Amino acid sequence: MTPQRSFVRTASVEALPAPRSVAGPVAWMKENLFSGPINTAVTVLMAWFLFWIIPPILDYLFFDAVWTGDSGAACREDTTGSEVGACWAFVIDRVNYFLYGSYPVDLRWRPNIFFLVLAVGIVWMLWLDAPRRGLGAIYFFVVVPLVSYWLLAGFPAIGLERVPTGVWGGILVTIVVSAVGIVISLPVGVLLALGRRSNLPIVRLVCVIVIEFTRGVPLITVLFMANTMLPLFLAEGMTVDRLVRPLIGVAFFASAYMAEVIRGGLQAIPKGQYEGAMSLGLSYPKMMYFIILPQALRIVIPGIVNTFIGLFKDTTLVSIVGIFDLIRTIESSRLDPAWAAPSVNYSGYAFAAIFYFLCCWGMSWYSQSVERRLAASEKR
């Protein structure tokens, strides 16, 4: 038996340098902002751009802004004797009109309850650890629409007098249009996406025509068609409410785009997932509900949220067909002679920009948090 031999290194080995630490803000900046010549140049350029644009914005919105006043005289330089920024006094004076439009003052508690009911439904649906999320879905897709309609439009059977949609306006209309579009576009988009991948030729052809025709025309065209042509398809004597028409157009338009987003997720699912589900004896509806759709929707979360954000911003186009959304209320308010001042026009639009930015940023932030959570669960 051959004896084992061991060898011991006698020469000294040069010590390796300590691993570079990335802890702390300074180390993070070196690693991410100044890691090379190009990165450093881009960082310096962006810092200069922010330093050039942010101070004037802050001066206009806050430091030089006018917060109190009852007319445009408070926001004119010839009256104040100094440079004037945003006229927030105008926004504060008209904030109720921006929020409710011409909704009756003594009935505005009903939109307030609508906002509360909708907020509860949104939190219940978006909170991933919320209890009884199945009931939350029923609440959001069934209870919220019914209660919202009864509150806003009225329901004489329970003592709520009718309020015509012609007096609705402002943020109320923006929320209603976007909420209806979002709630309808997701399930209808799923059905259209499944129909486009169907093995039934007639179903597939109809879904393809609906999707491609809708995506091939601008939203303005869809709104005009819904506003002017939809009543032509109804029986004589029947009519459609002037707010319901753009609601149908927006939901129809968003559903087509949502269908293509979801179809991309369905195509990304490996074929083995379908074969595995069929080998378990699952029917087509159960296979889609339990196996395929959850994976597909998780893949296309960024696309879904991007469609929602685009839909939320596109609600401003309903003003073209005579609906008083937030932008329309601002445009009508700035024409008031009592608030004649140069900064009034920009102040109203600045308020709208802040409102839309906060809402869209909130949707984007939530989608990113869900993506991070799902990515972390996959690593376990």
Protein backbone atom coordinates (compact mmCIF):
# COMPACT_ATOMS: atom_id res chain seq x y z
CA MET A 1 0.00 0.00 0.00
CA THR A 2 1.52 3.32 -1.07
CA PRO A 3 1.89 5.76 1.84
CA GLN A 4 0.15 9.11 1.45
CA ARG A 5 2.35 12.16 1.23
CA SER A 6 1.45 15.70 2.23
CA PHE A 7 3.05 18.88 0.94
CA VAL A 8 3.28 22.12 2.91
CA ARG A 9 3.83 25.43 1.12
CA THR A 10 6.82 27.21 2.60
CA ALA A 11 6.73 30.37 0.44
CA SER A 12 4.68 33.30 1.72
CA VAL A 13 1.48 34.21 -0.14
CA GLU A 14 0.67 37.84 -0.79
CA ALA A 15 -2.44 38.88 1.07
CA LEU A 16 -5.48 39.71 -1.07
CA PRO A 17 -6.94 43.20 -0.78
CA ALA A 18 -10.02 43.59 1.37
CA PRO A 19 -13.29 43.45 -0.56
CA ARG A 20 -14.59 46.82 -1.56
CA SER A 21 -17.34 47.95 0.75
CA VAL A 22 -20.54 49.44 -0.65
CA ALA A 23 -22.04 50.35 2.70
CA GLY A 24 -22.88 53.98 3.36
CA PRO A 25 -23.91 56.86 1.11
CA VAL A 26 -20.38 57.75 -0.01
CA ALA A 27 -19.62 54.18 -1.08
CA TRP A 28 -23.00 53.95 -2.82
CA MET A 29 -22.29 57.15 -4.77
CA LYS A 30 -18.89 55.88 -5.84
CA GLU A 31 -20.40 52.59 -6.96
CA ASN A 32 -23.45 53.95 -8.77
CA LEU A 33 -22.79 57.60 -9.69
CA PHE A 34 -19.03 57.92 -10.20
CA SER A 35 -18.00 54.42 -11.24
CA GLY A 36 -16.39 55.55 -14.50
CA PRO A 37 -15.75 58.55 -16.76
CA ILE A 38 -19.04 58.26 -18.66
CA ASN A 39 -21.09 57.68 -15.53
CA THR A 40 -19.39 60.61 -13.81
CA ALA A 41 -20.03 62.92 -16.77
CA VAL A 42 -23.72 61.92 -16.90
CA THR A 43 -24.04 62.45 -13.14
CA VAL A 44 -22.50 65.92 -13.32
CA LEU A 45 -24.67 66.85 -16.32
CA MET A 46 -27.87 65.71 -14.62
CA ALA A 47 -26.91 67.47 -11.37
CA TRP A 48 -26.37 70.71 -13.30
CA PHE A 49 -29.74 70.28 -15.07
CA LEU A 50 -31.57 69.71 -11.79
CA PHE A 51 -29.81 72.66 -10.18
CA TRP A 52 -30.86 74.80 -13.15
CA ILE A 53 -34.55 73.75 -13.27
CA ILE A 54 -35.59 72.93 -9.68
CA PRO A 55 -35.00 76.32 -7.95
CA PRO A 56 -37.23 78.26 -10.42
CA ILE A 57 -39.96 75.65 -10.02
CA LEU A 58 -39.78 75.87 -6.24
CA ASP A 59 -39.83 79.68 -6.42
CA TYR A 60 -42.91 79.64 -8.64
CA LEU A 61 -44.83 76.96 -6.74
CA PHE A 62 -43.98 77.89 -3.15
CA PHE A 63 -41.69 80.80 -2.30
CA ASP A 64 -43.18 83.43 -4.65
CA ALA A 65 -46.70 81.94 -4.65
CA VAL A 66 -49.77 83.83 -3.46
CA TRP A 67 -51.76 81.81 -0.95
CA THR A 68 -54.46 84.27 0.14
CA GLY A 69 -56.77 86.58 -1.76
CA ASP A 70 -60.29 86.86 -3.07
CA SER A 71 -59.62 88.14 -6.59
CA GLY A 72 -57.00 88.25 -9.30
CA ALA A 73 -55.66 91.56 -7.94
CA ALA A 74 -53.80 89.60 -5.27
CA CYS A 75 -51.87 87.76 -7.98
CA ARG A 76 -50.82 90.68 -10.21
CA GLU A 77 -47.38 92.22 -10.06
CA ASP A 78 -48.74 95.73 -10.49
CA THR A 79 -50.72 95.25 -7.29
CA THR A 80 -48.26 93.38 -5.12
CA GLY A 81 -45.19 95.29 -6.31
CA SER A 82 -43.07 92.13 -6.48
CA GLU A 83 -42.66 89.07 -8.64
CA VAL A 84 -45.65 86.75 -8.35
CA GLY A 85 -45.56 82.97 -8.61
CA ALA A 86 -48.44 80.54 -8.62
CA CYS A 87 -51.81 81.96 -7.62
CA TRP A 88 -52.86 79.27 -5.17
CA ALA A 89 -55.49 81.66 -3.83
CA PHE A 90 -57.38 81.03 -7.07
CA VAL A 91 -57.09 77.26 -6.65
CA ILE A 92 -58.22 77.43 -3.01
CA ASP A 93 -61.18 79.60 -3.96
CA ARG A 94 -62.29 77.19 -6.72
CA VAL A 95 -61.23 73.88 -5.19
CA ASN A 96 -64.82 72.74 -4.62
CA TYR A 97 -65.65 73.38 -8.26
CA PHE A 98 -62.50 71.51 -9.32
CA LEU A 99 -63.55 68.61 -7.11
CA TYR A 100 -67.32 68.33 -7.71
CA GLY A 101 -68.12 70.50 -10.72
CA SER A 102 -71.67 71.85 -10.48
CA TYR A 103 -72.88 69.01 -8.27
CA PRO A 104 -75.48 70.49 -5.83
CA VAL A 105 -73.77 71.89 -2.76
CA ASP A 106 -76.24 70.41 -0.30
CA LEU A 107 -75.73 66.94 -1.83
CA ARG A 108 -71.95 66.87 -1.98
CA TRP A 109 -71.86 64.49 0.96
CA ARG A 110 -72.82 61.82 -1.55
CA PRO A 111 -69.64 62.18 -3.68
CA ASN A 112 -67.66 62.23 -0.43
CA ILE A 113 -69.13 58.86 0.56
CA PHE A 114 -68.45 57.62 -2.98
CA PHE A 115 -64.77 58.54 -2.62
CA LEU A 116 -64.66 56.71 0.73
CA VAL A 117 -66.40 53.58 -0.62
CA LEU A 118 -64.08 53.51 -3.63
CA ALA A 119 -60.99 54.01 -1.46
CA VAL A 120 -61.96 51.10 0.80
CA GLY A 121 -62.41 48.86 -2.24
CA ILE A 122 -59.06 49.88 -3.74
CA VAL A 123 -57.18 49.31 -0.48
CA TRP A 124 -58.89 45.95 0.04
CA MET A 125 -57.95 44.81 -3.46
CA LEU A 126 -54.39 46.13 -3.52
CA TRP A 127 -53.40 45.04 0.00
CA LEU A 128 -51.88 41.64 -0.68
CA ASP A 129 -52.19 40.50 2.96
CA ALA A 130 -55.73 41.78 3.42
CA PRO A 131 -58.17 39.32 5.04
CA ARG A 132 -60.93 37.75 2.95
CA ARG A 133 -59.71 39.08 -0.37
CA GLY A 134 -62.39 37.01 -2.10
CA LEU A 135 -65.02 39.13 -0.40
CA GLY A 136 -62.93 42.16 -1.33
CA ALA A 137 -63.26 41.27 -5.01
CA ILE A 138 -67.04 40.94 -4.67
CA TYR A 139 -67.14 44.24 -2.83
CA PHE A 140 -65.05 46.02 -5.46
CA PHE A 141 -66.66 44.62 -8.61
CA VAL A 142 -70.28 44.35 -7.42
CA VAL A 143 -70.99 46.44 -4.32
CA VAL A 144 -68.92 49.49 -5.24
CA PRO A 145 -70.49 50.03 -8.71
CA LEU A 146 -74.04 49.69 -7.38
CA VAL A 147 -73.51 51.90 -4.32
CA SER A 148 -71.60 54.46 -6.41
CA TYR A 149 -74.41 54.70 -8.97
CA TRP A 150 -77.08 55.06 -6.29
CA LEU A 151 -75.07 57.71 -4.46
CA LEU A 152 -74.06 59.85 -7.42
CA ALA A 153 -77.03 59.51 -9.75
CA GLY A 154 -79.66 59.06 -7.06
CA PHE A 155 -82.13 56.34 -6.11
CA PRO A 156 -85.58 57.67 -5.22
CA ALA A 157 -86.66 54.31 -3.80
CA ILE A 158 -84.38 54.87 -0.82
CA GLY A 159 -84.80 58.63 -0.65
CA LEU A 160 -81.87 59.76 -2.79
CA GLU A 161 -83.09 62.34 -5.29
CA ARG A 162 -81.90 62.24 -8.87
CA VAL A 163 -78.85 64.29 -9.86
CA PRO A 164 -78.37 64.61 -13.65
CA THR A 165 -74.91 63.76 -14.93
CA GLY A 166 -74.80 67.13 -16.68
CA VAL A 167 -73.92 68.79 -13.36
CA TRP A 168 -71.14 66.34 -12.50
CA GLY A 169 -67.65 67.65 -13.09
CA GLY A 170 -64.07 68.05 -12.00
CA ILE A 171 -62.13 65.34 -10.22
CA LEU A 172 -65.38 63.47 -9.59
CA VAL A 173 -65.86 62.84 -13.32
CA THR A 174 -62.17 62.04 -13.78
CA ILE A 175 -62.32 59.39 -11.06
CA VAL A 176 -65.59 57.94 -12.36
CA VAL A 177 -64.37 57.67 -15.96
CA SER A 178 -61.00 56.19 -15.03
CA ALA A 179 -62.50 53.78 -12.46
CA VAL A 180 -65.07 52.47 -14.93
CA GLY A 181 -62.42 52.08 -17.63
CA ILE A 182 -60.01 50.26 -15.32
CA VAL A 183 -62.62 47.96 -13.78
CA ILE A 184 -64.09 46.96 -17.15
CA SER A 185 -60.93 46.83 -19.26
CA LEU A 186 -59.17 44.13 -17.22
CA PRO A 187 -61.81 41.36 -17.35
CA VAL A 188 -62.90 42.26 -20.89
CA GLY A 189 -59.27 42.39 -21.97
CA VAL A 190 -58.73 38.90 -20.54
CA LEU A 191 -61.71 37.58 -22.49
CA LEU A 192 -60.55 39.22 -25.71
CA ALA A 193 -57.02 37.85 -25.25
CA LEU A 194 -58.32 34.34 -24.64
CA GLY A 195 -60.68 34.68 -27.58
CA ARG A 196 -57.85 35.73 -29.89
CA ARG A 197 -55.96 32.55 -28.93
CA SER A 198 -59.06 30.38 -29.24
CA ASN A 199 -59.23 27.37 -31.55
CA LEU A 200 -62.70 28.41 -32.67
CA PRO A 201 -62.28 30.36 -35.94
CA ILE A 202 -65.35 32.57 -35.51
CA VAL A 203 -64.46 33.57 -31.95
CA ARG A 204 -60.85 34.25 -32.93
CA LEU A 205 -61.88 36.31 -35.97
CA VAL A 206 -64.33 38.46 -34.01
CA CYS A 207 -61.77 39.16 -31.28
CA VAL A 208 -59.08 40.02 -33.82
CA ILE A 209 -61.40 42.45 -35.61
CA VAL A 210 -62.46 44.14 -32.38
CA ILE A 211 -58.89 44.49 -31.09
CA GLU A 212 -57.26 45.64 -34.31
CA PHE A 213 -60.05 48.02 -35.28
CA THR A 214 -60.04 49.67 -31.85
CA ARG A 215 -56.25 49.95 -31.69
CA GLY A 216 -56.17 51.37 -35.21
CA VAL A 217 -58.15 54.52 -34.42
CA PRO A 218 -57.46 57.35 -31.95
CA LEU A 219 -59.37 57.57 -28.68
CA ILE A 220 -60.86 60.88 -29.83
CA THR A 221 -62.50 59.08 -32.75
CA VAL A 222 -63.90 56.42 -30.43
CA LEU A 223 -65.33 59.10 -28.14
CA PHE A 224 -66.96 60.93 -31.02
CA MET A 225 -68.44 57.69 -32.33
CA ALA A 226 -69.76 56.78 -28.87
CA ASN A 227 -71.21 60.25 -28.43
CA THR A 228 -72.86 60.69 -31.81
CA MET A 229 -73.34 57.25 -33.35
CA LEU A 230 -74.26 55.11 -30.35
CA PRO A 231 -77.79 56.59 -30.07
CA LEU A 232 -78.36 55.74 -33.76
CA PHE A 233 -78.18 52.01 -32.99
CA LEU A 234 -80.94 52.21 -30.38
CA ALA A 235 -84.67 51.87 -30.89
CA GLU A 236 -86.72 54.99 -31.51
CA GLY A 237 -87.40 56.88 -28.31
CA MET A 238 -84.43 55.35 -26.46
CA THR A 239 -81.41 57.39 -25.51
CA VAL A 240 -78.13 57.01 -23.66
CA ASP A 241 -76.97 59.34 -20.93
CA ARG A 242 -74.36 61.85 -22.11
CA LEU A 243 -71.83 60.60 -19.54
CA VAL A 244 -72.47 56.92 -20.21
CA ARG A 245 -71.49 57.37 -23.87
CA PRO A 246 -67.84 58.31 -23.22
CA LEU A 247 -67.72 55.71 -20.44
CA ILE A 248 -68.54 53.02 -22.99
CA GLY A 249 -66.01 54.43 -25.46
CA VAL A 250 -63.19 54.63 -22.91
CA ALA A 251 -63.86 51.12 -21.57
CA PHE A 252 -64.04 49.71 -25.12
CA PHE A 253 -60.80 51.42 -26.12
CA ALA A 254 -58.88 50.38 -23.00
CA SER A 255 -60.06 46.77 -23.27
CA ALA A 256 -58.46 46.37 -26.70
CA TYR A 257 -55.07 47.55 -25.45
CA MET A 258 -55.38 45.45 -22.31
CA ALA A 259 -56.10 42.38 -24.44
CA GLU A 260 -52.79 42.72 -26.27
CA VAL A 261 -50.88 43.17 -23.01
CA ILE A 262 -52.44 40.02 -21.54
CA ARG A 263 -51.92 38.08 -24.78
CA GLY A 264 -48.21 38.81 -24.46
CA GLY A 265 -48.26 37.25 -21.00
CA LEU A 266 -50.12 34.19 -22.27
CA GLN A 267 -47.56 33.67 -25.03
CA ALA A 268 -44.74 33.84 -22.48
CA ILE A 269 -46.08 30.84 -20.54
CA PRO A 270 -44.12 27.68 -21.43
CA LYS A 271 -46.02 24.97 -23.26
CA GLY A 272 -45.24 22.57 -20.44
CA GLN A 273 -47.55 24.52 -18.13
CA TYR A 274 -50.48 23.83 -20.42
CA GLU A 275 -49.54 20.17 -20.81
CA GLY A 276 -49.09 19.75 -17.06
CA ALA A 277 -52.48 21.29 -16.36
CA MET A 278 -54.17 19.05 -18.94
CA SER A 279 -52.41 15.97 -17.54
CA LEU A 280 -54.09 16.71 -14.20
CA GLY A 281 -57.45 16.51 -15.91
CA LEU A 282 -58.30 20.18 -15.46
CA SER A 283 -60.92 21.66 -17.72
CA TYR A 284 -60.08 24.70 -19.85
CA PRO A 285 -61.69 27.24 -17.47
CA LYS A 286 -59.99 25.71 -14.41
CA MET A 287 -56.66 25.49 -16.23
CA MET A 288 -56.83 29.18 -17.12
CA TYR A 289 -58.10 30.30 -13.72
CA PHE A 290 -55.72 28.31 -11.51
CA ILE A 291 -52.61 27.77 -13.63
CA ILE A 292 -52.17 29.97 -16.70
CA LEU A 293 -53.75 33.36 -15.97
CA PRO A 294 -52.04 33.90 -12.57
CA GLN A 295 -48.64 33.38 -14.18
CA ALA A 296 -49.48 35.46 -17.25
CA LEU A 297 -50.82 38.40 -15.22
CA ARG A 298 -47.75 38.35 -13.00
CA ILE A 299 -45.49 38.57 -16.04
CA VAL A 300 -47.29 41.55 -17.54
CA ILE A 301 -47.81 43.61 -14.37
CA PRO A 302 -45.73 46.52 -15.81
CA GLY A 303 -47.77 46.50 -19.02
CA ILE A 304 -51.09 46.39 -17.16
CA VAL A 305 -50.15 49.29 -14.91
CA ASN A 306 -48.82 51.23 -17.88
CA THR A 307 -52.20 50.78 -19.60
CA PHE A 308 -53.98 51.95 -16.45
CA ILE A 309 -51.78 55.04 -16.23
CA GLY A 310 -52.36 55.87 -19.88
CA LEU A 311 -56.10 55.41 -19.42
CA PHE A 312 -56.12 57.67 -16.36
CA LYS A 313 -54.40 60.45 -18.28
CA ASP A 314 -56.55 59.94 -21.38
CA THR A 315 -59.68 60.72 -19.37
CA THR A 316 -58.95 64.39 -20.09
CA LEU A 317 -60.11 63.76 -23.67
CA VAL A 318 -63.73 63.41 -22.54
CA SER A 319 -63.82 67.20 -22.35
CA ILE A 320 -63.89 67.20 -26.17
CA VAL A 321 -67.39 65.71 -26.13
CA GLY A 322 -68.66 68.21 -23.56
CA ILE A 323 -67.92 66.41 -20.28
CA PHE A 324 -66.67 68.71 -17.53
CA ASP A 325 -63.66 66.84 -16.20
CA LEU A 326 -60.90 68.48 -14.16
CA ILE A 327 -59.27 70.19 -17.15
CA ARG A 328 -62.59 71.54 -18.39
CA THR A 329 -63.47 73.00 -14.98
CA ILE A 330 -60.07 74.71 -14.84
CA GLU A 331 -60.54 76.18 -18.31
CA SER A 332 -63.96 77.55 -17.44
CA SER A 333 -62.79 78.95 -14.09
CA ARG A 334 -59.83 80.85 -15.47
CA LEU A 335 -62.17 82.87 -17.72
CA ASP A 336 -63.78 84.49 -14.67
CA PRO A 337 -63.06 88.27 -14.89
CA ALA A 338 -62.74 88.44 -11.12
CA TRP A 339 -59.61 86.28 -11.37
CA ALA A 340 -57.99 88.04 -14.31
CA ALA A 341 -54.26 87.64 -13.70
CA PRO A 342 -51.41 86.18 -15.80
CA SER A 343 -50.47 83.52 -13.26
CA VAL A 344 -54.02 82.23 -12.80
CA ASN A 345 -53.94 80.22 -16.04
CA TYR A 346 -50.71 78.45 -15.14
CA SER A 347 -51.76 77.89 -11.53
CA GLY A 348 -54.84 75.90 -12.49
CA TYR A 349 -52.88 73.70 -14.85
CA ALA A 350 -50.14 73.29 -12.23
CA PHE A 351 -52.78 71.98 -9.83
CA ALA A 352 -53.97 69.50 -12.46
CA ALA A 353 -50.39 68.43 -13.19
CA ILE A 354 -49.71 67.75 -9.50
CA PHE A 355 -52.96 65.79 -9.18
CA TYR A 356 -52.26 63.59 -12.21
CA PHE A 357 -48.62 63.09 -11.22
CA LEU A 358 -49.48 61.93 -7.70
CA CYS A 359 -52.11 59.50 -8.96
CA CYS A 360 -49.91 58.05 -11.72
CA TRP A 361 -46.85 57.90 -9.47
CA GLY A 362 -48.90 56.03 -6.87
CA MET A 363 -49.93 53.40 -9.42
CA SER A 364 -46.35 53.05 -10.66
CA TRP A 365 -44.96 52.76 -7.12
CA TYR A 366 -47.47 50.06 -6.22
CA SER A 367 -46.68 47.99 -9.31
CA GLN A 368 -42.96 48.16 -8.56
CA SER A 369 -43.54 47.07 -4.96
CA VAL A 370 -45.61 44.10 -6.16
CA GLU A 371 -42.88 43.15 -8.65
CA ARG A 372 -40.22 43.26 -5.93
CA ARG A 373 -42.36 41.13 -3.63
CA LEU A 374 -43.02 38.53 -6.32
CA ALA A 375 -39.34 38.46 -7.28
CA ALA A 376 -38.36 37.92 -3.65
CA SER A 377 -40.86 35.05 -3.30
CA GLU A 378 -39.43 33.33 -6.40
CA LYS A 379 -35.91 33.34 -4.89
CA ARG A 380 -37.00 31.42 -1.80
